[in-house]
């Protein structure tokens, strides 16, 4: 299980906030007899940089011993979409994140889908489409595989 990667992805995507990652770590500390050092560091991390430092050794260890089944960037796209579904970000924010070349999600395979650029162009030319059910279904069909990746990782975090 690549739990360090999963935690970092949830946080860097903005899905997990500081209180979420600290709460996750605190629950691990309370329920386990022996706690790995990196989890204690996550509990104390004040910001994303400290969190990154806290999980860095665990992520390195996981790269050596375990294989991630999906791209971190694809999981981040999934978390963005979950945030959209939970009304934490707008569809415009979702599209802006994915079309920003500096965003962490730019390496995602979503950029290889022709539908992504078609949807992006349609939104840019007519934002009224966002209210149409058929257009919403098109968006859901595109993002659903990425949401499933993020949901799977989120579930592993809960079960850890």
N, C-alpha and C. Protein backbone atom coordinates (compact mmCIF):
# COMPACT_ATOMS: atom_id res chain seq x y z
N UNK A 1 0.84 -1.18 0.00
CA UNK A 1 0.00 0.00 0.00
C UNK A 1 0.89 1.25 0.00
N UNK A 2 0.57 2.19 -0.80
CA UNK A 2 1.39 3.40 -0.91
C UNK A 2 0.72 4.58 -0.21
N UNK A 3 0.58 4.41 1.07
CA UNK A 3 -0.20 5.35 1.88
C UNK A 3 0.41 6.75 1.95
N UNK A 4 1.73 6.83 1.96
CA UNK A 4 2.38 8.15 1.97
C UNK A 4 2.04 8.95 0.73
N UNK A 5 2.07 8.27 -0.41
CA UNK A 5 1.69 8.91 -1.68
C UNK A 5 0.23 9.33 -1.65
N UNK A 6 -0.63 8.44 -1.18
CA UNK A 6 -2.06 8.73 -1.16
C UNK A 6 -2.37 9.94 -0.29
N UNK A 7 -1.73 10.00 0.87
CA UNK A 7 -1.95 11.13 1.77
C UNK A 7 -1.46 12.43 1.13
N UNK A 8 -0.28 12.38 0.57
CA UNK A 8 0.29 13.58 -0.06
C UNK A 8 -0.60 14.07 -1.21
N UNK A 9 -1.09 13.16 -2.03
CA UNK A 9 -1.93 13.51 -3.17
C UNK A 9 -3.23 14.17 -2.69
N UNK A 10 -3.85 13.60 -1.67
CA UNK A 10 -5.09 14.19 -1.14
C UNK A 10 -4.85 15.61 -0.64
N UNK A 11 -3.68 15.83 -0.06
CA UNK A 11 -3.36 17.15 0.50
C UNK A 11 -2.97 18.15 -0.58
N UNK A 12 -2.11 17.75 -1.48
CA UNK A 12 -1.62 18.68 -2.51
C UNK A 12 -2.74 19.06 -3.48
N UNK A 13 -3.73 18.20 -3.62
CA UNK A 13 -4.88 18.52 -4.49
C UNK A 13 -5.82 19.52 -3.83
N UNK A 14 -5.64 19.71 -2.54
CA UNK A 14 -6.53 20.62 -1.81
C UNK A 14 -7.73 19.91 -1.21
N UNK A 15 -7.87 18.62 -1.46
CA UNK A 15 -9.00 17.89 -0.89
C UNK A 15 -8.85 17.78 0.63
N UNK A 16 -7.67 17.43 1.08
CA UNK A 16 -7.39 17.41 2.51
C UNK A 16 -6.78 18.74 2.90
N UNK A 17 -7.28 19.28 3.98
CA UNK A 17 -6.73 20.52 4.55
C UNK A 17 -5.79 20.14 5.70
N UNK A 18 -5.19 21.13 6.29
CA UNK A 18 -4.31 20.89 7.43
C UNK A 18 -5.04 20.12 8.53
N UNK A 19 -6.25 20.52 8.84
CA UNK A 19 -7.00 19.82 9.90
C UNK A 19 -7.31 18.37 9.51
N UNK A 20 -7.52 18.14 8.21
CA UNK A 20 -7.77 16.77 7.74
C UNK A 20 -6.54 15.89 7.90
N UNK A 21 -5.35 16.37 7.43
CA UNK A 21 -4.17 15.51 7.52
C UNK A 21 -3.75 15.33 8.97
N UNK A 22 -3.90 16.38 9.79
CA UNK A 22 -3.55 16.23 11.20
C UNK A 22 -4.52 15.29 11.89
N UNK A 23 -5.80 15.39 11.56
CA UNK A 23 -6.80 14.49 12.13
C UNK A 23 -6.55 13.05 11.74
N UNK A 24 -6.18 12.84 10.46
CA UNK A 24 -5.87 11.50 9.99
C UNK A 24 -4.70 10.92 10.80
N UNK A 25 -3.65 11.72 10.95
CA UNK A 25 -2.47 11.25 11.68
C UNK A 25 -2.80 11.01 13.16
N UNK A 26 -3.57 11.89 13.74
CA UNK A 26 -3.93 11.74 15.16
C UNK A 26 -4.75 10.46 15.38
N UNK A 27 -5.63 10.13 14.44
CA UNK A 27 -6.40 8.88 14.55
C UNK A 27 -5.47 7.67 14.47
N UNK A 28 -4.44 7.75 13.62
CA UNK A 28 -3.47 6.65 13.53
C UNK A 28 -2.73 6.48 14.85
N UNK A 29 -2.35 7.60 15.43
CA UNK A 29 -1.60 7.58 16.69
C UNK A 29 -2.44 6.97 17.81
N UNK A 30 -3.71 7.32 17.85
CA UNK A 30 -4.59 6.83 18.91
C UNK A 30 -4.94 5.35 18.77
N UNK A 31 -5.01 4.84 17.55
CA UNK A 31 -5.48 3.46 17.38
C UNK A 31 -4.36 2.43 17.25
N UNK A 32 -3.12 2.86 17.14
CA UNK A 32 -2.02 1.90 16.94
C UNK A 32 -1.11 1.86 18.17
N UNK A 33 -0.62 0.66 18.44
CA UNK A 33 0.33 0.50 19.55
C UNK A 33 1.69 1.06 19.19
N UNK A 34 2.10 0.84 17.95
CA UNK A 34 3.38 1.37 17.47
C UNK A 34 3.10 2.28 16.29
N UNK A 35 3.60 3.49 16.37
CA UNK A 35 3.33 4.49 15.34
C UNK A 35 4.64 4.82 14.63
N UNK A 36 4.58 4.81 13.30
CA UNK A 36 5.75 5.18 12.51
C UNK A 36 6.05 6.67 12.70
N UNK A 37 7.33 7.00 12.69
CA UNK A 37 7.76 8.39 12.91
C UNK A 37 7.11 9.37 11.94
N UNK A 38 6.97 8.97 10.67
CA UNK A 38 6.43 9.88 9.69
C UNK A 38 5.00 10.31 10.01
N UNK A 39 4.24 9.42 10.65
CA UNK A 39 2.87 9.76 11.03
C UNK A 39 2.86 10.83 12.11
N UNK A 40 3.77 10.72 13.06
CA UNK A 40 3.88 11.76 14.10
C UNK A 40 4.24 13.11 13.47
N UNK A 41 5.13 13.07 12.49
CA UNK A 41 5.52 14.31 11.80
C UNK A 41 4.35 14.90 11.02
N UNK A 42 3.53 14.05 10.43
CA UNK A 42 2.33 14.53 9.71
C UNK A 42 1.40 15.23 10.70
N UNK A 43 1.24 14.65 11.87
CA UNK A 43 0.37 15.23 12.89
C UNK A 43 0.82 16.64 13.28
N UNK A 44 2.12 16.87 13.24
CA UNK A 44 2.67 18.16 13.65
C UNK A 44 2.89 19.13 12.49
N UNK A 45 2.70 18.67 11.27
CA UNK A 45 2.97 19.51 10.09
C UNK A 45 2.05 20.73 10.07
N UNK A 46 2.64 21.93 9.94
CA UNK A 46 1.88 23.17 9.97
C UNK A 46 1.40 23.62 8.61
N UNK A 47 2.07 23.13 7.56
CA UNK A 47 1.71 23.55 6.21
C UNK A 47 2.10 22.45 5.22
N UNK A 48 1.80 22.69 3.96
CA UNK A 48 2.03 21.66 2.94
C UNK A 48 3.51 21.33 2.77
N UNK A 49 4.39 22.31 3.01
CA UNK A 49 5.82 22.05 2.91
C UNK A 49 6.28 21.09 4.01
N UNK A 50 5.80 21.32 5.23
CA UNK A 50 6.16 20.43 6.33
C UNK A 50 5.54 19.05 6.13
N UNK A 51 4.34 19.01 5.60
CA UNK A 51 3.72 17.73 5.29
C UNK A 51 4.55 16.98 4.26
N UNK A 52 4.98 17.69 3.23
CA UNK A 52 5.80 17.08 2.18
C UNK A 52 7.07 16.49 2.77
N UNK A 53 7.68 17.23 3.65
CA UNK A 53 8.89 16.75 4.32
C UNK A 53 8.58 15.53 5.20
N UNK A 54 7.44 15.57 5.88
CA UNK A 54 7.06 14.48 6.78
C UNK A 54 6.85 13.16 6.03
N UNK A 55 6.29 13.22 4.84
CA UNK A 55 5.99 12.00 4.09
C UNK A 55 7.08 11.63 3.09
N UNK A 56 8.10 12.46 2.95
CA UNK A 56 9.10 12.23 1.89
C UNK A 56 9.81 10.88 2.02
N UNK A 57 10.25 10.51 3.21
CA UNK A 57 10.94 9.23 3.36
C UNK A 57 9.99 8.07 3.10
N UNK A 58 8.76 8.19 3.58
CA UNK A 58 7.76 7.12 3.37
C UNK A 58 7.48 6.97 1.87
N UNK A 59 7.36 8.07 1.17
CA UNK A 59 7.12 8.01 -0.28
C UNK A 59 8.30 7.36 -0.99
N UNK A 60 9.51 7.68 -0.59
CA UNK A 60 10.71 7.10 -1.18
C UNK A 60 10.74 5.59 -0.93
N UNK A 61 10.44 5.21 0.28
CA UNK A 61 10.38 3.80 0.65
C UNK A 61 9.33 3.07 -0.19
N UNK A 62 8.19 3.68 -0.38
CA UNK A 62 7.12 3.07 -1.16
C UNK A 62 7.52 2.91 -2.64
N UNK A 63 8.25 3.86 -3.15
CA UNK A 63 8.71 3.76 -4.54
C UNK A 63 9.61 2.55 -4.73
N UNK A 64 10.38 2.25 -3.71
CA UNK A 64 11.31 1.13 -3.81
C UNK A 64 10.60 -0.21 -3.64
N UNK A 65 9.68 -0.28 -2.68
CA UNK A 65 9.07 -1.57 -2.34
C UNK A 65 7.71 -1.83 -2.98
N UNK A 66 7.03 -0.79 -3.37
CA UNK A 66 5.67 -0.98 -3.86
C UNK A 66 5.46 -0.18 -5.15
N UNK A 67 4.45 -0.59 -5.90
CA UNK A 67 4.16 0.07 -7.16
C UNK A 67 2.82 0.81 -7.06
N UNK A 68 2.85 2.08 -7.46
CA UNK A 68 1.60 2.82 -7.55
C UNK A 68 0.86 2.35 -8.79
N UNK A 69 -0.41 2.07 -8.64
CA UNK A 69 -1.18 1.52 -9.75
C UNK A 69 -1.69 2.61 -10.69
N UNK A 70 -1.66 3.85 -10.25
CA UNK A 70 -2.14 4.93 -11.11
C UNK A 70 -1.26 6.16 -10.92
N UNK A 71 -1.32 7.03 -11.88
CA UNK A 71 -0.53 8.25 -11.86
C UNK A 71 -1.01 9.18 -10.75
N UNK A 72 -0.09 9.77 -9.99
CA UNK A 72 -0.50 10.77 -8.99
C UNK A 72 -1.30 11.91 -9.63
N UNK A 73 -0.93 12.31 -10.82
CA UNK A 73 -1.64 13.40 -11.50
C UNK A 73 -3.08 13.01 -11.82
N UNK A 74 -3.31 11.75 -12.17
CA UNK A 74 -4.67 11.29 -12.43
C UNK A 74 -5.50 11.31 -11.15
N UNK A 75 -4.88 10.93 -10.04
CA UNK A 75 -5.58 10.97 -8.75
C UNK A 75 -5.91 12.41 -8.37
N UNK A 76 -5.01 13.33 -8.65
CA UNK A 76 -5.26 14.74 -8.35
C UNK A 76 -6.44 15.25 -9.16
N UNK A 77 -6.52 14.88 -10.43
CA UNK A 77 -7.68 15.24 -11.25
C UNK A 77 -8.95 14.70 -10.60
N UNK A 78 -8.89 13.47 -10.12
CA UNK A 78 -10.04 12.88 -9.44
C UNK A 78 -10.45 13.66 -8.20
N UNK A 79 -9.46 14.07 -7.41
CA UNK A 79 -9.76 14.88 -6.22
C UNK A 79 -10.34 16.24 -6.61
N UNK A 80 -9.83 16.83 -7.66
CA UNK A 80 -10.42 18.09 -8.14
C UNK A 80 -11.90 17.88 -8.49
N UNK A 81 -12.17 16.78 -9.18
CA UNK A 81 -13.54 16.51 -9.58
C UNK A 81 -14.43 16.26 -8.36
N UNK A 82 -13.93 15.53 -7.38
CA UNK A 82 -14.69 15.32 -6.15
C UNK A 82 -15.00 16.65 -5.48
N UNK A 83 -14.02 17.55 -5.45
CA UNK A 83 -14.25 18.87 -4.88
C UNK A 83 -15.35 19.61 -5.64
N UNK A 84 -15.37 19.46 -6.96
CA UNK A 84 -16.43 20.05 -7.77
C UNK A 84 -17.78 19.44 -7.39
N UNK A 85 -17.85 18.11 -7.30
CA UNK A 85 -19.09 17.43 -6.96
C UNK A 85 -19.60 17.82 -5.57
N UNK A 86 -18.67 18.11 -4.66
CA UNK A 86 -19.03 18.51 -3.30
C UNK A 86 -19.24 20.03 -3.18
N UNK A 87 -19.26 20.70 -4.33
CA UNK A 87 -19.46 22.16 -4.38
C UNK A 87 -18.40 22.96 -3.63
N UNK A 88 -17.19 22.42 -3.57
CA UNK A 88 -16.08 23.14 -2.95
C UNK A 88 -15.38 24.02 -3.97
N UNK A 89 -15.46 23.63 -5.24
CA UNK A 89 -14.94 24.46 -6.33
C UNK A 89 -15.96 24.45 -7.46
N UNK A 90 -15.92 25.49 -8.27
CA UNK A 90 -16.83 25.57 -9.41
C UNK A 90 -16.27 24.79 -10.60
N UNK A 91 -17.11 24.56 -11.58
CA UNK A 91 -16.64 23.90 -12.79
C UNK A 91 -15.58 24.76 -13.47
N UNK A 92 -15.77 26.05 -13.45
CA UNK A 92 -14.78 26.97 -14.02
C UNK A 92 -13.44 26.79 -13.31
N UNK A 93 -13.45 26.70 -11.97
CA UNK A 93 -12.21 26.48 -11.21
C UNK A 93 -11.57 25.15 -11.59
N UNK A 94 -12.40 24.12 -11.74
CA UNK A 94 -11.90 22.81 -12.14
C UNK A 94 -11.20 22.88 -13.49
N UNK A 95 -11.86 23.49 -14.46
CA UNK A 95 -11.29 23.61 -15.80
C UNK A 95 -10.03 24.47 -15.77
N UNK A 96 -10.07 25.56 -15.00
CA UNK A 96 -8.90 26.43 -14.91
C UNK A 96 -7.69 25.70 -14.34
N UNK A 97 -7.92 24.89 -13.30
CA UNK A 97 -6.81 24.12 -12.71
C UNK A 97 -6.21 23.18 -13.75
N UNK A 98 -7.08 22.50 -14.49
CA UNK A 98 -6.62 21.50 -15.44
C UNK A 98 -5.98 22.11 -16.68
N UNK A 99 -6.31 23.34 -16.98
CA UNK A 99 -5.71 23.97 -18.17
C UNK A 99 -4.52 24.85 -17.82
N UNK A 100 -4.18 24.94 -16.52
CA UNK A 100 -3.03 25.71 -16.07
C UNK A 100 -1.77 24.86 -16.22
N UNK A 101 -0.85 25.31 -17.04
CA UNK A 101 0.37 24.53 -17.29
C UNK A 101 1.24 24.37 -16.04
N UNK A 102 1.05 25.22 -15.05
CA UNK A 102 1.84 25.14 -13.82
C UNK A 102 1.18 24.27 -12.76
N UNK A 103 -0.05 23.81 -13.02
CA UNK A 103 -0.75 22.99 -12.04
C UNK A 103 -0.14 21.59 -11.99
N UNK A 104 -0.20 21.00 -10.82
CA UNK A 104 0.38 19.67 -10.60
C UNK A 104 -0.31 18.59 -11.45
N UNK A 105 -1.51 18.87 -11.93
CA UNK A 105 -2.26 17.88 -12.70
C UNK A 105 -1.89 17.83 -14.17
N UNK A 106 -0.99 18.67 -14.63
CA UNK A 106 -0.70 18.75 -16.07
C UNK A 106 -0.14 17.45 -16.65
N UNK A 107 0.42 16.60 -15.82
CA UNK A 107 0.95 15.33 -16.31
C UNK A 107 -0.14 14.26 -16.39
N UNK A 108 -1.35 14.61 -16.06
CA UNK A 108 -2.45 13.64 -16.05
C UNK A 108 -2.79 13.17 -17.46
N UNK A 109 -3.28 11.95 -17.53
CA UNK A 109 -3.69 11.41 -18.82
C UNK A 109 -4.96 12.07 -19.34
N UNK A 110 -5.63 12.87 -18.53
CA UNK A 110 -6.82 13.58 -19.01
C UNK A 110 -6.46 14.50 -20.18
N UNK A 111 -5.23 14.96 -20.19
CA UNK A 111 -4.77 15.84 -21.26
C UNK A 111 -4.62 15.10 -22.59
N UNK A 112 -4.67 13.79 -22.55
CA UNK A 112 -4.59 12.99 -23.77
C UNK A 112 -5.98 12.72 -24.37
N UNK A 113 -7.03 13.07 -23.63
CA UNK A 113 -8.39 12.84 -24.09
C UNK A 113 -8.85 14.00 -24.96
N UNK A 114 -9.28 13.67 -26.14
CA UNK A 114 -9.78 14.70 -27.06
C UNK A 114 -11.01 15.38 -26.47
N UNK A 115 -11.83 14.61 -25.73
CA UNK A 115 -13.04 15.17 -25.11
C UNK A 115 -12.73 16.31 -24.15
N UNK A 116 -11.58 16.23 -23.47
CA UNK A 116 -11.22 17.28 -22.52
C UNK A 116 -11.10 18.62 -23.24
N UNK A 117 -10.40 18.63 -24.35
CA UNK A 117 -10.21 19.88 -25.09
C UNK A 117 -11.51 20.33 -25.76
N UNK A 118 -12.32 19.39 -26.16
CA UNK A 118 -13.62 19.71 -26.74
C UNK A 118 -14.50 20.39 -25.69
N UNK A 119 -14.53 19.82 -24.49
CA UNK A 119 -15.31 20.41 -23.39
C UNK A 119 -14.76 21.78 -23.02
N UNK A 120 -13.46 21.88 -22.93
CA UNK A 120 -12.82 23.16 -22.60
C UNK A 120 -13.19 24.23 -23.62
N UNK A 121 -13.13 23.91 -24.89
CA UNK A 121 -13.48 24.87 -25.94
C UNK A 121 -14.96 25.23 -25.89
N UNK A 122 -15.81 24.25 -25.63
CA UNK A 122 -17.24 24.52 -25.55
C UNK A 122 -17.57 25.45 -24.39
N UNK A 123 -16.93 25.22 -23.24
CA UNK A 123 -17.17 26.09 -22.08
C UNK A 123 -16.68 27.50 -22.36
N UNK A 124 -15.50 27.60 -22.96
CA UNK A 124 -14.95 28.92 -23.25
C UNK A 124 -15.82 29.71 -24.24
N UNK A 125 -16.51 29.01 -25.13
CA UNK A 125 -17.33 29.70 -26.11
C UNK A 125 -18.76 29.94 -25.63
N UNK A 126 -19.23 29.12 -24.66
CA UNK A 126 -20.61 29.27 -24.21
C UNK A 126 -20.77 28.70 -22.81
N UNK A 127 -20.62 29.53 -21.80
CA UNK A 127 -20.72 29.07 -20.41
C UNK A 127 -22.13 28.63 -20.03
N UNK A 128 -23.13 28.98 -20.83
CA UNK A 128 -24.52 28.56 -20.56
C UNK A 128 -24.65 27.04 -20.66
N UNK A 129 -23.71 26.40 -21.34
CA UNK A 129 -23.74 24.94 -21.48
C UNK A 129 -23.66 24.25 -20.12
N UNK A 130 -23.07 24.92 -19.15
CA UNK A 130 -22.89 24.32 -17.84
C UNK A 130 -24.22 23.93 -17.19
N UNK A 131 -25.30 24.55 -17.62
CA UNK A 131 -26.61 24.26 -17.05
C UNK A 131 -27.33 23.12 -17.78
N UNK A 132 -26.80 22.69 -18.90
CA UNK A 132 -27.46 21.63 -19.68
C UNK A 132 -27.10 20.24 -19.16
N UNK A 133 -28.11 19.42 -18.98
CA UNK A 133 -27.93 18.07 -18.44
C UNK A 133 -27.04 17.21 -19.34
N UNK A 134 -27.22 17.30 -20.65
CA UNK A 134 -26.41 16.49 -21.57
C UNK A 134 -24.93 16.88 -21.49
N UNK A 135 -24.67 18.16 -21.27
CA UNK A 135 -23.29 18.62 -21.14
C UNK A 135 -22.69 18.16 -19.81
N UNK A 136 -23.50 18.20 -18.77
CA UNK A 136 -23.06 17.73 -17.45
C UNK A 136 -22.72 16.24 -17.51
N UNK A 137 -23.51 15.46 -18.25
CA UNK A 137 -23.23 14.03 -18.41
C UNK A 137 -21.90 13.82 -19.14
N UNK A 138 -21.65 14.64 -20.13
CA UNK A 138 -20.39 14.57 -20.88
C UNK A 138 -19.20 14.80 -19.95
N UNK A 139 -19.35 15.77 -19.07
CA UNK A 139 -18.29 16.07 -18.08
C UNK A 139 -18.12 14.90 -17.13
N UNK A 140 -19.23 14.37 -16.63
CA UNK A 140 -19.17 13.24 -15.71
C UNK A 140 -18.50 12.04 -16.36
N UNK A 141 -18.86 11.74 -17.59
CA UNK A 141 -18.27 10.60 -18.30
C UNK A 141 -16.75 10.76 -18.44
N UNK A 142 -16.31 11.98 -18.67
CA UNK A 142 -14.88 12.24 -18.81
C UNK A 142 -14.14 12.08 -17.48
N UNK A 143 -14.73 12.59 -16.40
CA UNK A 143 -14.03 12.64 -15.11
C UNK A 143 -14.23 11.41 -14.23
N UNK A 144 -15.22 10.59 -14.52
CA UNK A 144 -15.54 9.46 -13.65
C UNK A 144 -14.36 8.51 -13.40
N UNK A 145 -13.58 8.13 -14.40
CA UNK A 145 -12.44 7.24 -14.10
C UNK A 145 -11.43 7.87 -13.13
N UNK A 146 -11.26 9.16 -13.22
CA UNK A 146 -10.33 9.87 -12.33
C UNK A 146 -10.90 9.96 -10.91
N UNK A 147 -12.21 10.17 -10.82
CA UNK A 147 -12.87 10.19 -9.51
C UNK A 147 -12.70 8.84 -8.83
N UNK A 148 -12.84 7.76 -9.59
CA UNK A 148 -12.71 6.42 -9.01
C UNK A 148 -11.30 6.19 -8.46
N UNK A 149 -10.30 6.70 -9.13
CA UNK A 149 -8.92 6.59 -8.63
C UNK A 149 -8.80 7.30 -7.29
N UNK A 150 -9.28 8.53 -7.23
CA UNK A 150 -9.20 9.30 -5.98
C UNK A 150 -10.01 8.64 -4.87
N UNK A 151 -11.20 8.17 -5.19
CA UNK A 151 -12.04 7.50 -4.18
C UNK A 151 -11.36 6.25 -3.64
N UNK A 152 -10.71 5.50 -4.51
CA UNK A 152 -10.00 4.30 -4.09
C UNK A 152 -8.87 4.66 -3.12
N UNK A 153 -8.13 5.70 -3.45
CA UNK A 153 -7.04 6.12 -2.57
C UNK A 153 -7.57 6.66 -1.25
N UNK A 154 -8.66 7.40 -1.31
CA UNK A 154 -9.28 7.94 -0.12
C UNK A 154 -9.72 6.80 0.81
N UNK A 155 -10.28 5.76 0.21
CA UNK A 155 -10.72 4.60 0.98
C UNK A 155 -9.52 3.93 1.67
N UNK A 156 -8.39 3.82 0.97
CA UNK A 156 -7.19 3.23 1.57
C UNK A 156 -6.68 4.08 2.75
N UNK A 157 -6.81 5.39 2.63
CA UNK A 157 -6.43 6.25 3.75
C UNK A 157 -7.32 6.00 4.96
N UNK A 158 -8.61 5.82 4.71
CA UNK A 158 -9.54 5.56 5.80
C UNK A 158 -9.29 4.21 6.47
N UNK A 159 -8.86 3.23 5.67
CA UNK A 159 -8.67 1.88 6.20
C UNK A 159 -7.29 1.66 6.82
N UNK A 160 -6.36 2.58 6.62
CA UNK A 160 -4.99 2.37 7.06
C UNK A 160 -4.92 2.23 8.57
